[in-house]
Amino acid sequence: MENKYEKWHKVKERIDNLDSANFYFNEREIWWCYLGANIGIEQDGKGDDFLRPVLVFKKFSRRMCWVMPLSTQVLKGMFFFPLLAESNIIRIAVLPQMRMVDIKRLCDRLDLISYSEYELIKKELTAFMQ
């Protein structure tokens, strides 16, 4: 029986072979992202493709961005920040799980947060980092 790491490795190989030359994304967007099978308490993707919604927090280039994993479970504490998306769905940003990703990991655009929500999460992240 294949374990989750063997399954993830096959998905990762497929993702790495994707053509992303004509692929565009922006800050504030929520995407399905291939986060994979991770270790310990790190945020995993779910399902056969190891996907999880993420917020594109910072765009560094046309191929690289900083993302925050999102959850629809109500999580409370200094590590979590609720975001209201334009679809009126509340998602919880998991602040300490931010990571840099190549855009090949982004799958489908799901939603968007407002400029005011984006400013709130930036302030929250700054406070969290201190």
N, C-alpha and C. Protein backbone atom coordinates (compact mmCIF):
# COMPACT_ATOMS: atom_id res chain seq x y z
N MET A 1 0.83 -1.19 0.00
CA MET A 1 0.00 0.00 0.00
C MET A 1 0.87 1.25 0.00
N GLU A 2 0.55 2.18 -0.89
CA GLU A 2 1.30 3.42 -1.00
C GLU A 2 1.04 4.33 0.20
N ASN A 3 2.11 4.92 0.76
CA ASN A 3 1.88 5.87 1.83
C ASN A 3 1.68 7.27 1.23
N LYS A 4 1.32 8.24 2.08
CA LYS A 4 1.00 9.57 1.58
C LYS A 4 2.19 10.25 0.91
N TYR A 5 3.40 9.94 1.35
CA TYR A 5 4.58 10.57 0.75
C TYR A 5 4.85 10.04 -0.66
N GLU A 6 4.61 8.75 -0.86
CA GLU A 6 4.76 8.17 -2.20
C GLU A 6 3.71 8.75 -3.15
N LYS A 7 2.48 8.89 -2.67
CA LYS A 7 1.42 9.50 -3.48
C LYS A 7 1.76 10.94 -3.81
N TRP A 8 2.22 11.69 -2.80
CA TRP A 8 2.56 13.10 -3.01
C TRP A 8 3.70 13.24 -4.01
N HIS A 9 4.67 12.37 -3.94
CA HIS A 9 5.81 12.44 -4.86
C HIS A 9 5.34 12.33 -6.32
N LYS A 10 4.39 11.46 -6.59
CA LYS A 10 3.85 11.31 -7.95
C LYS A 10 3.13 12.58 -8.39
N VAL A 11 2.34 13.16 -7.48
CA VAL A 11 1.63 14.41 -7.80
C VAL A 11 2.64 15.54 -8.03
N LYS A 12 3.68 15.58 -7.19
CA LYS A 12 4.70 16.62 -7.30
C LYS A 12 5.44 16.54 -8.64
N GLU A 13 5.73 15.35 -9.09
CA GLU A 13 6.37 15.18 -10.40
C GLU A 13 5.48 15.72 -11.52
N ARG A 14 4.19 15.43 -11.43
CA ARG A 14 3.24 15.92 -12.43
C ARG A 14 3.18 17.45 -12.43
N ILE A 15 3.14 18.05 -11.24
CA ILE A 15 3.08 19.51 -11.10
C ILE A 15 4.34 20.15 -11.66
N ASP A 16 5.49 19.56 -11.37
CA ASP A 16 6.76 20.12 -11.83
C ASP A 16 6.85 20.16 -13.35
N ASN A 17 6.14 19.29 -14.02
CA ASN A 17 6.16 19.26 -15.48
C ASN A 17 5.13 20.18 -16.13
N LEU A 18 4.35 20.91 -15.33
CA LEU A 18 3.36 21.83 -15.87
C LEU A 18 4.03 23.03 -16.53
N ASP A 19 3.39 23.56 -17.57
CA ASP A 19 3.85 24.78 -18.22
C ASP A 19 3.14 25.96 -17.55
N SER A 20 3.90 26.86 -16.95
CA SER A 20 3.29 27.99 -16.25
C SER A 20 3.66 29.33 -16.88
N ALA A 21 4.09 29.33 -18.12
CA ALA A 21 4.55 30.56 -18.77
C ALA A 21 3.45 31.60 -18.91
N ASN A 22 2.21 31.20 -19.14
CA ASN A 22 1.11 32.15 -19.34
C ASN A 22 0.16 32.19 -18.16
N PHE A 23 0.69 32.09 -16.98
CA PHE A 23 -0.08 31.97 -15.76
C PHE A 23 0.07 33.25 -14.95
N TYR A 24 -1.06 33.87 -14.55
CA TYR A 24 -1.00 35.13 -13.82
C TYR A 24 -1.75 35.01 -12.49
N PHE A 25 -1.25 35.71 -11.49
CA PHE A 25 -1.87 35.73 -10.17
C PHE A 25 -1.54 37.06 -9.52
N ASN A 26 -2.29 37.43 -8.49
CA ASN A 26 -2.08 38.69 -7.80
C ASN A 26 -2.24 38.51 -6.31
N GLU A 27 -1.70 39.45 -5.57
CA GLU A 27 -1.89 39.50 -4.12
C GLU A 27 -3.38 39.65 -3.84
N ARG A 28 -3.82 39.17 -2.71
CA ARG A 28 -5.20 39.20 -2.22
C ARG A 28 -6.06 38.08 -2.79
N GLU A 29 -5.54 37.33 -3.76
CA GLU A 29 -6.34 36.25 -4.33
C GLU A 29 -6.24 34.98 -3.49
N ILE A 30 -7.30 34.21 -3.49
CA ILE A 30 -7.33 32.92 -2.82
C ILE A 30 -7.32 31.85 -3.92
N TRP A 31 -6.37 30.93 -3.81
CA TRP A 31 -6.17 29.87 -4.81
C TRP A 31 -6.18 28.51 -4.15
N TRP A 32 -6.57 27.49 -4.91
CA TRP A 32 -6.26 26.12 -4.53
C TRP A 32 -4.78 25.94 -4.80
N CYS A 33 -4.08 25.36 -3.87
CA CYS A 33 -2.63 25.22 -3.97
C CYS A 33 -2.22 23.78 -3.62
N TYR A 34 -1.31 23.23 -4.41
CA TYR A 34 -0.76 21.90 -4.13
C TYR A 34 0.25 22.04 -2.99
N LEU A 35 -0.22 21.89 -1.75
CA LEU A 35 0.70 22.02 -0.61
C LEU A 35 1.42 20.73 -0.27
N GLY A 36 0.86 19.61 -0.68
CA GLY A 36 1.58 18.37 -0.50
C GLY A 36 1.36 17.68 0.82
N ALA A 37 2.13 16.61 1.00
CA ALA A 37 2.15 15.85 2.24
C ALA A 37 3.35 16.35 3.03
N ASN A 38 3.08 16.92 4.19
CA ASN A 38 4.15 17.53 4.97
C ASN A 38 4.39 16.76 6.26
N ILE A 39 5.28 17.25 7.07
CA ILE A 39 5.74 16.55 8.26
C ILE A 39 5.12 17.16 9.52
N GLY A 40 4.76 16.32 10.46
CA GLY A 40 4.28 16.78 11.77
C GLY A 40 3.05 17.66 11.67
N ILE A 41 3.14 18.85 12.28
CA ILE A 41 1.99 19.76 12.33
C ILE A 41 1.95 20.74 11.17
N GLU A 42 2.84 20.59 10.19
CA GLU A 42 2.79 21.45 9.01
C GLU A 42 1.49 21.22 8.26
N GLN A 43 0.95 22.28 7.66
CA GLN A 43 -0.30 22.19 6.92
C GLN A 43 -0.13 21.32 5.68
N ASP A 44 -0.93 20.28 5.59
CA ASP A 44 -0.96 19.41 4.42
C ASP A 44 -2.03 19.88 3.45
N GLY A 45 -1.88 19.47 2.20
CA GLY A 45 -2.98 19.56 1.28
C GLY A 45 -3.91 18.38 1.54
N LYS A 46 -5.09 18.42 0.98
CA LYS A 46 -6.07 17.36 1.22
C LYS A 46 -6.47 16.71 -0.11
N GLY A 47 -7.00 15.52 -0.02
CA GLY A 47 -7.50 14.81 -1.19
C GLY A 47 -6.38 14.20 -2.01
N ASP A 48 -6.75 13.67 -3.18
CA ASP A 48 -5.79 12.97 -4.05
C ASP A 48 -4.70 13.88 -4.59
N ASP A 49 -4.99 15.17 -4.72
CA ASP A 49 -3.99 16.11 -5.26
C ASP A 49 -3.33 16.96 -4.19
N PHE A 50 -3.62 16.69 -2.91
CA PHE A 50 -2.99 17.39 -1.78
C PHE A 50 -3.19 18.91 -1.89
N LEU A 51 -4.43 19.32 -2.17
CA LEU A 51 -4.76 20.73 -2.33
C LEU A 51 -5.25 21.35 -1.04
N ARG A 52 -4.98 22.65 -0.90
CA ARG A 52 -5.50 23.45 0.22
C ARG A 52 -5.67 24.87 -0.30
N PRO A 53 -6.71 25.58 0.16
CA PRO A 53 -6.82 26.99 -0.23
C PRO A 53 -5.74 27.81 0.47
N VAL A 54 -5.21 28.77 -0.27
CA VAL A 54 -4.19 29.67 0.28
C VAL A 54 -4.51 31.10 -0.16
N LEU A 55 -4.05 32.04 0.64
CA LEU A 55 -4.11 33.45 0.28
C LEU A 55 -2.76 33.83 -0.30
N VAL A 56 -2.76 34.41 -1.49
CA VAL A 56 -1.51 34.96 -2.05
C VAL A 56 -1.26 36.26 -1.30
N PHE A 57 -0.30 36.22 -0.39
CA PHE A 57 -0.04 37.36 0.48
C PHE A 57 0.93 38.35 -0.16
N LYS A 58 1.99 37.85 -0.77
CA LYS A 58 3.00 38.72 -1.37
C LYS A 58 3.51 38.11 -2.66
N LYS A 59 3.47 38.88 -3.72
CA LYS A 59 3.99 38.45 -5.02
C LYS A 59 5.41 38.99 -5.15
N PHE A 60 6.38 38.11 -5.33
CA PHE A 60 7.78 38.52 -5.43
C PHE A 60 8.23 38.61 -6.89
N SER A 61 7.64 37.81 -7.73
CA SER A 61 7.95 37.84 -9.16
C SER A 61 6.78 37.19 -9.88
N ARG A 62 6.87 37.04 -11.17
CA ARG A 62 5.76 36.40 -11.88
C ARG A 62 5.73 34.89 -11.66
N ARG A 63 6.73 34.35 -10.95
CA ARG A 63 6.80 32.91 -10.71
C ARG A 63 6.85 32.53 -9.23
N MET A 64 6.93 33.51 -8.34
CA MET A 64 7.16 33.18 -6.93
C MET A 64 6.30 34.07 -6.03
N CYS A 65 5.70 33.44 -5.02
CA CYS A 65 4.89 34.22 -4.07
C CYS A 65 4.93 33.59 -2.68
N TRP A 66 4.51 34.40 -1.73
CA TRP A 66 4.39 33.99 -0.35
C TRP A 66 2.91 33.73 -0.11
N VAL A 67 2.54 32.55 0.38
CA VAL A 67 1.15 32.20 0.59
C VAL A 67 0.88 31.85 2.06
N MET A 68 -0.37 32.05 2.45
CA MET A 68 -0.85 31.67 3.77
C MET A 68 -1.89 30.58 3.61
N PRO A 69 -1.69 29.41 4.18
CA PRO A 69 -2.74 28.38 4.14
C PRO A 69 -4.01 28.87 4.83
N LEU A 70 -5.14 28.45 4.31
CA LEU A 70 -6.44 28.84 4.86
C LEU A 70 -7.22 27.62 5.29
N SER A 71 -8.10 27.84 6.25
CA SER A 71 -8.99 26.79 6.75
C SER A 71 -10.40 27.37 6.87
N THR A 72 -11.40 26.54 6.75
CA THR A 72 -12.77 26.98 7.03
C THR A 72 -13.18 26.59 8.45
N GLN A 73 -12.33 25.81 9.14
CA GLN A 73 -12.60 25.47 10.54
C GLN A 73 -12.37 26.71 11.38
N VAL A 74 -13.21 26.91 12.38
CA VAL A 74 -13.06 28.05 13.28
C VAL A 74 -11.90 27.75 14.23
N LEU A 75 -10.83 28.48 14.05
CA LEU A 75 -9.63 28.33 14.88
C LEU A 75 -9.38 29.66 15.57
N LYS A 76 -9.07 29.63 16.86
CA LYS A 76 -8.87 30.87 17.61
C LYS A 76 -7.48 30.88 18.22
N GLY A 77 -6.98 32.08 18.45
CA GLY A 77 -5.68 32.26 19.06
C GLY A 77 -4.83 33.19 18.23
N MET A 78 -3.65 33.47 18.72
CA MET A 78 -2.78 34.44 18.05
C MET A 78 -2.23 33.94 16.71
N PHE A 79 -2.34 32.66 16.43
CA PHE A 79 -1.81 32.10 15.19
C PHE A 79 -2.80 32.18 14.03
N PHE A 80 -4.04 32.53 14.32
CA PHE A 80 -5.10 32.45 13.32
C PHE A 80 -5.77 33.80 13.13
N PHE A 81 -6.16 34.08 11.88
CA PHE A 81 -6.80 35.35 11.57
C PHE A 81 -7.96 35.11 10.60
N PRO A 82 -9.19 35.50 10.98
CA PRO A 82 -10.33 35.29 10.09
C PRO A 82 -10.35 36.32 8.96
N LEU A 83 -10.63 35.86 7.76
CA LEU A 83 -10.73 36.72 6.57
C LEU A 83 -12.09 36.52 5.94
N LEU A 84 -12.73 37.61 5.55
CA LEU A 84 -13.99 37.52 4.82
C LEU A 84 -13.68 37.72 3.35
N ALA A 85 -13.94 36.69 2.56
CA ALA A 85 -13.70 36.76 1.12
C ALA A 85 -14.88 37.42 0.42
N GLU A 86 -14.69 37.81 -0.82
CA GLU A 86 -15.77 38.46 -1.58
C GLU A 86 -16.98 37.55 -1.76
N SER A 87 -16.80 36.25 -1.67
CA SER A 87 -17.91 35.29 -1.78
C SER A 87 -18.70 35.18 -0.48
N ASN A 88 -18.33 35.99 0.53
CA ASN A 88 -18.92 35.96 1.87
C ASN A 88 -18.61 34.69 2.65
N ILE A 89 -17.56 34.00 2.27
CA ILE A 89 -17.09 32.84 3.02
C ILE A 89 -15.98 33.30 3.95
N ILE A 90 -16.08 32.93 5.21
CA ILE A 90 -15.02 33.26 6.17
C ILE A 90 -14.00 32.13 6.14
N ARG A 91 -12.76 32.53 5.94
CA ARG A 91 -11.65 31.57 5.96
C ARG A 91 -10.66 32.03 7.03
N ILE A 92 -10.00 31.08 7.65
CA ILE A 92 -9.05 31.38 8.72
C ILE A 92 -7.63 31.25 8.17
N ALA A 93 -6.88 32.35 8.20
CA ALA A 93 -5.48 32.33 7.77
C ALA A 93 -4.63 31.76 8.90
N VAL A 94 -3.77 30.81 8.56
CA VAL A 94 -2.89 30.17 9.54
C VAL A 94 -1.52 30.87 9.41
N LEU A 95 -1.31 31.91 10.21
CA LEU A 95 -0.16 32.80 10.06
C LEU A 95 1.21 32.10 10.12
N PRO A 96 1.47 31.23 11.10
CA PRO A 96 2.83 30.66 11.17
C PRO A 96 3.14 29.65 10.07
N GLN A 97 2.15 29.30 9.26
CA GLN A 97 2.37 28.31 8.20
C GLN A 97 2.66 28.96 6.84
N MET A 98 2.91 30.27 6.83
CA MET A 98 3.23 30.95 5.56
C MET A 98 4.44 30.29 4.92
N ARG A 99 4.44 30.28 3.59
CA ARG A 99 5.58 29.69 2.89
C ARG A 99 5.70 30.27 1.50
N MET A 100 6.90 30.17 0.97
CA MET A 100 7.19 30.59 -0.40
C MET A 100 6.83 29.44 -1.33
N VAL A 101 6.16 29.76 -2.44
CA VAL A 101 5.83 28.72 -3.41
C VAL A 101 6.09 29.21 -4.83
N ASP A 102 6.39 28.28 -5.69
CA ASP A 102 6.45 28.53 -7.13
C ASP A 102 5.01 28.53 -7.63
N ILE A 103 4.71 29.31 -8.64
CA ILE A 103 3.33 29.38 -9.11
C ILE A 103 2.82 28.07 -9.70
N LYS A 104 3.70 27.15 -10.01
CA LYS A 104 3.23 25.84 -10.48
C LYS A 104 2.37 25.15 -9.43
N ARG A 105 2.54 25.53 -8.17
CA ARG A 105 1.74 24.93 -7.10
C ARG A 105 0.31 25.48 -7.08
N LEU A 106 0.08 26.65 -7.70
CA LEU A 106 -1.26 27.22 -7.72
C LEU A 106 -2.09 26.50 -8.78
N CYS A 107 -3.31 26.13 -8.40
CA CYS A 107 -4.14 25.30 -9.28
C CYS A 107 -5.28 26.10 -9.90
N ASP A 108 -6.22 26.56 -9.08
CA ASP A 108 -7.39 27.30 -9.56
C ASP A 108 -7.67 28.47 -8.62
N ARG A 109 -8.01 29.61 -9.21
CA ARG A 109 -8.37 30.77 -8.41
C ARG A 109 -9.76 30.54 -7.82
N LEU A 110 -9.87 30.76 -6.51
CA LEU A 110 -11.11 30.51 -5.78
C LEU A 110 -11.88 31.78 -5.46
N ASP A 111 -11.17 32.79 -5.01
CA ASP A 111 -11.84 33.95 -4.41
C ASP A 111 -10.85 35.11 -4.32
N LEU A 112 -11.28 36.15 -3.65
CA LEU A 112 -10.49 37.37 -3.48
C LEU A 112 -10.90 37.99 -2.16
N ILE A 113 -9.94 38.65 -1.48
CA ILE A 113 -10.30 39.44 -0.31
C ILE A 113 -10.20 40.91 -0.69
N SER A 114 -10.90 41.75 0.03
CA SER A 114 -10.92 43.19 -0.25
C SER A 114 -9.59 43.83 0.16
N TYR A 115 -9.38 45.05 -0.31
CA TYR A 115 -8.19 45.80 0.10
C TYR A 115 -8.19 46.02 1.60
N SER A 116 -9.37 46.30 2.19
CA SER A 116 -9.42 46.54 3.64
C SER A 116 -9.07 45.27 4.42
N GLU A 117 -9.56 44.10 3.97
CA GLU A 117 -9.18 42.83 4.61
C GLU A 117 -7.68 42.59 4.48
N TYR A 118 -7.13 42.92 3.32
CA TYR A 118 -5.70 42.73 3.08
C TYR A 118 -4.88 43.61 4.03
N GLU A 119 -5.31 44.84 4.21
CA GLU A 119 -4.60 45.73 5.14
C GLU A 119 -4.68 45.20 6.57
N LEU A 120 -5.83 44.65 6.95
CA LEU A 120 -5.98 44.08 8.30
C LEU A 120 -5.04 42.89 8.50
N ILE A 121 -4.94 42.02 7.52
CA ILE A 121 -4.06 40.84 7.68
C ILE A 121 -2.60 41.27 7.71
N LYS A 122 -2.24 42.31 6.96
CA LYS A 122 -0.85 42.81 7.02
C LYS A 122 -0.53 43.33 8.42
N LYS A 123 -1.45 44.08 9.01
CA LYS A 123 -1.24 44.58 10.38
C LYS A 123 -1.15 43.43 11.36
N GLU A 124 -2.03 42.44 11.21
CA GLU A 124 -2.02 41.29 12.12
C GLU A 124 -0.71 40.52 12.00
N LEU A 125 -0.23 40.33 10.78
CA LEU A 125 1.02 39.62 10.59
C LEU A 125 2.19 40.38 11.18
N THR A 126 2.20 41.69 11.02
CA THR A 126 3.27 42.52 11.61
C THR A 126 3.26 42.38 13.12
N ALA A 127 2.09 42.44 13.74
CA ALA A 127 1.98 42.27 15.20
C ALA A 127 2.40 40.88 15.62
N PHE A 128 2.01 39.87 14.84
CA PHE A 128 2.36 38.49 15.14
C PHE A 128 3.88 38.29 15.11
N MET A 129 4.56 38.94 14.19
CA MET A 129 6.00 38.78 14.03
C MET A 129 6.81 39.45 15.13
N GLN A 130 6.21 40.32 15.90
CA GLN A 130 6.96 41.04 16.94
C GLN A 130 6.95 40.34 18.26
